[in-house]
Amino acid sequence: MSWATVGTLIAAVGVTAYVTHWITAGPEQYCKTTSTAESWAPDRAYKATVFKKDCNSGESIFYSVRVDAFSPPSEANGSLPDNLKLTYGPISLGHRS
């Protein structure tokens, strides 16, 4: 085997390893997720948090909302009580200083 063939094989293995790593890690490795806003229900039983996922240095931005229940209704059949009212409104994503 010549040195050129050995060099080509080493380069091919390196490129294959890099591409395999990128595919398994996925493009998510280039994203940064931060919490941008959070709001509590009046009884503090639920908290809604808005997340901002910034991918590829601002090229793609995604927003998501997570709702955490700290004392959810305890109905055996999974239905909500009649006195529970779900209210929602605009979420302010203003700048923090």
C-alpha atoms as a PDB file:
ATOM      1  CA  MET A   1       0.000   0.000   0.000  1.00  0.00           C
ATOM      2  CA  SER A   2       1.245   3.442  -0.800  1.00  0.00           C
ATOM      3  CA  TRP A   3       1.245   6.385   1.592  1.00  0.00           C
ATOM      4  CA  ALA A   4      -1.383   8.115  -0.562  1.00  0.00           C
ATOM      5  CA  THR A   5      -3.770   5.188  -0.124  1.00  0.00           C
ATOM      6  CA  VAL A   6      -3.199   5.102   3.641  1.00  0.00           C
ATOM      7  CA  GLY A   7      -3.759   8.872   3.852  1.00  0.00           C
ATOM      8  CA  THR A   8      -6.950   8.611   1.836  1.00  0.00           C
ATOM      9  CA  LEU A   9      -8.262   5.816   4.071  1.00  0.00           C
ATOM     10  CA  ILE A  10      -7.491   7.816   7.233  1.00  0.00           C
ATOM     11  CA  ALA A  11      -9.237  10.885   5.796  1.00  0.00           C
ATOM     12  CA  ALA A  12     -12.271   8.800   4.795  1.00  0.00           C
ATOM     13  CA  VAL A  13     -12.529   7.303   8.295  1.00  0.00           C
ATOM     14  CA  GLY A  14     -12.224  10.775   9.841  1.00  0.00           C
ATOM     15  CA  VAL A  15     -14.923  12.275   7.634  1.00  0.00           C
ATOM     16  CA  THR A  16     -17.194   9.279   8.290  1.00  0.00           C
ATOM     17  CA  ALA A  17     -16.706   9.636  12.053  1.00  0.00           C
ATOM     18  CA  TYR A  18     -17.444  13.386  11.918  1.00  0.00           C
ATOM     19  CA  VAL A  19     -20.589  12.956   9.816  1.00  0.00           C
ATOM     20  CA  THR A  20     -21.806  10.122  12.056  1.00  0.00           C
ATOM     21  CA  HIS A  21     -21.259  12.273  15.155  1.00  0.00           C
ATOM     22  CA  TRP A  22     -23.107  15.224  13.593  1.00  0.00           C
ATOM     23  CA  ILE A  23     -26.065  13.031  12.602  1.00  0.00           C
ATOM     24  CA  THR A  24     -26.364  11.391  16.025  1.00  0.00           C
ATOM     25  CA  ALA A  25     -25.985  14.680  17.922  1.00  0.00           C
ATOM     26  CA  GLY A  26     -28.303  16.358  15.451  1.00  0.00           C
ATOM     27  CA  PRO A  27     -28.652  20.038  14.783  1.00  0.00           C
ATOM     28  CA  GLU A  28     -29.893  20.525  18.374  1.00  0.00           C
ATOM     29  CA  GLN A  29     -26.293  20.878  19.484  1.00  0.00           C
ATOM     30  CA  TYR A  30     -26.240  24.287  17.800  1.00  0.00           C
ATOM     31  CA  CYS A  31     -29.305  25.533  19.733  1.00  0.00           C
ATOM     32  CA  LYS A  32     -29.448  27.496  22.969  1.00  0.00           C
ATOM     33  CA  THR A  33     -32.687  27.394  24.987  1.00  0.00           C
ATOM     34  CA  THR A  34     -33.474  30.124  27.503  1.00  0.00           C
ATOM     35  CA  SER A  35     -36.475  30.994  29.657  1.00  0.00           C
ATOM     36  CA  THR A  36     -37.876  34.342  28.503  1.00  0.00           C
ATOM     37  CA  ALA A  37     -41.026  34.792  30.601  1.00  0.00           C
ATOM     38  CA  GLU A  38     -42.951  33.070  33.340  1.00  0.00           C
ATOM     39  CA  SER A  39     -46.399  33.652  34.772  1.00  0.00           C
ATOM     40  CA  TRP A  40     -48.149  32.156  37.801  1.00  0.00           C
ATOM     41  CA  ALA A  41     -51.866  31.440  38.108  1.00  0.00           C
ATOM     42  CA  PRO A  42     -53.607  33.572  40.751  1.00  0.00           C
ATOM     43  CA  ASP A  43     -53.735  30.612  43.184  1.00  0.00           C
ATOM     44  CA  ARG A  44     -50.097  29.717  42.349  1.00  0.00           C
ATOM     45  CA  ALA A  45     -51.147  26.162  41.474  1.00  0.00           C
ATOM     46  CA  TYR A  46     -49.926  26.482  37.881  1.00  0.00           C
ATOM     47  CA  LYS A  47     -46.949  28.190  36.305  1.00  0.00           C
ATOM     48  CA  ALA A  48     -46.520  28.863  32.577  1.00  0.00           C
ATOM     49  CA  THR A  49     -43.001  29.382  31.249  1.00  0.00           C
ATOM     50  CA  VAL A  50     -42.125  30.650  27.769  1.00  0.00           C
ATOM     51  CA  PHE A  51     -38.910  29.248  26.297  1.00  0.00           C
ATOM     52  CA  LYS A  52     -36.940  30.646  23.390  1.00  0.00           C
ATOM     53  CA  LYS A  53     -34.786  28.237  21.376  1.00  0.00           C
ATOM     54  CA  ASP A  54     -32.178  30.125  19.348  1.00  0.00           C
ATOM     55  CA  CYS A  55     -30.569  27.936  16.689  1.00  0.00           C
ATOM     56  CA  ASN A  56     -27.627  28.748  14.429  1.00  0.00           C
ATOM     57  CA  SER A  57     -26.908  32.174  15.942  1.00  0.00           C
ATOM     58  CA  GLY A  58     -30.397  33.588  15.441  1.00  0.00           C
ATOM     59  CA  GLU A  59     -31.063  32.026  12.049  1.00  0.00           C
ATOM     60  CA  SER A  60     -33.960  29.989  13.462  1.00  0.00           C
ATOM     61  CA  ILE A  61     -35.870  30.964  16.603  1.00  0.00           C
ATOM     62  CA  PHE A  62     -38.585  28.796  18.141  1.00  0.00           C
ATOM     63  CA  TYR A  63     -40.879  29.560  21.089  1.00  0.00           C
ATOM     64  CA  SER A  64     -42.557  26.995  23.319  1.00  0.00           C
ATOM     65  CA  VAL A  65     -44.683  27.122  26.457  1.00  0.00           C
ATOM     66  CA  ARG A  66     -44.453  24.710  29.366  1.00  0.00           C
ATOM     67  CA  VAL A  67     -47.185  24.555  32.005  1.00  0.00           C
ATOM     68  CA  ASP A  68     -46.248  23.082  35.385  1.00  0.00           C
ATOM     69  CA  ALA A  69     -48.976  22.033  37.822  1.00  0.00           C
ATOM     70  CA  PHE A  70     -47.828  22.161  41.423  1.00  0.00           C
ATOM     71  CA  SER A  71     -51.174  21.146  42.910  1.00  0.00           C
ATOM     72  CA  PRO A  72     -53.281  19.723  40.069  1.00  0.00           C
ATOM     73  CA  PRO A  73     -56.920  18.701  40.518  1.00  0.00           C
ATOM     74  CA  SER A  74     -57.252  15.280  42.069  1.00  0.00           C
ATOM     75  CA  GLU A  75     -60.208  13.810  40.201  1.00  0.00           C
ATOM     76  CA  ALA A  76     -60.206  10.018  39.897  1.00  0.00           C
ATOM     77  CA  ASN A  77     -61.654  10.046  36.381  1.00  0.00           C
ATOM     78  CA  GLY A  78     -59.305  12.754  35.099  1.00  0.00           C
ATOM     79  CA  SER A  79     -61.957  15.425  34.524  1.00  0.00           C
ATOM     80  CA  LEU A  80     -61.549  18.944  35.807  1.00  0.00           C
ATOM     81  CA  PRO A  81     -63.724  20.279  38.628  1.00  0.00           C
ATOM     82  CA  ASP A  82     -66.606  22.585  37.627  1.00  0.00           C
ATOM     83  CA  ASN A  83     -65.168  25.518  39.575  1.00  0.00           C
ATOM     84  CA  LEU A  84     -61.828  25.442  37.709  1.00  0.00           C
ATOM     85  CA  LYS A  85     -61.666  28.190  35.116  1.00  0.00           C
ATOM     86  CA  LEU A  86     -58.779  28.276  32.672  1.00  0.00           C
ATOM     87  CA  THR A  87     -57.942  31.823  31.663  1.00  0.00           C
ATOM     88  CA  TYR A  88     -55.211  32.985  29.370  1.00  0.00           C
ATOM     89  CA  GLY A  89     -54.133  36.173  27.707  1.00  0.00           C
ATOM     90  CA  PRO A  90     -51.206  37.817  25.964  1.00  0.00           C
ATOM     91  CA  ILE A  91     -47.701  37.058  27.188  1.00  0.00           C
ATOM     92  CA  SER A  92     -45.308  39.962  27.276  1.00  0.00           C
ATOM     93  CA  LEU A  93     -41.848  39.136  25.943  1.00  0.00           C
ATOM     94  CA  GLY A  94     -40.404  42.517  26.840  1.00  0.00           C
ATOM     95  CA  HIS A  95     -36.712  43.069  27.343  1.00  0.00           C
ATOM     96  CA  ARG A  96     -35.297  42.664  30.803  1.00  0.00           C
ATOM     97  CA  SER A  97     -32.661  45.000  32.069  1.00  0.00           C
END
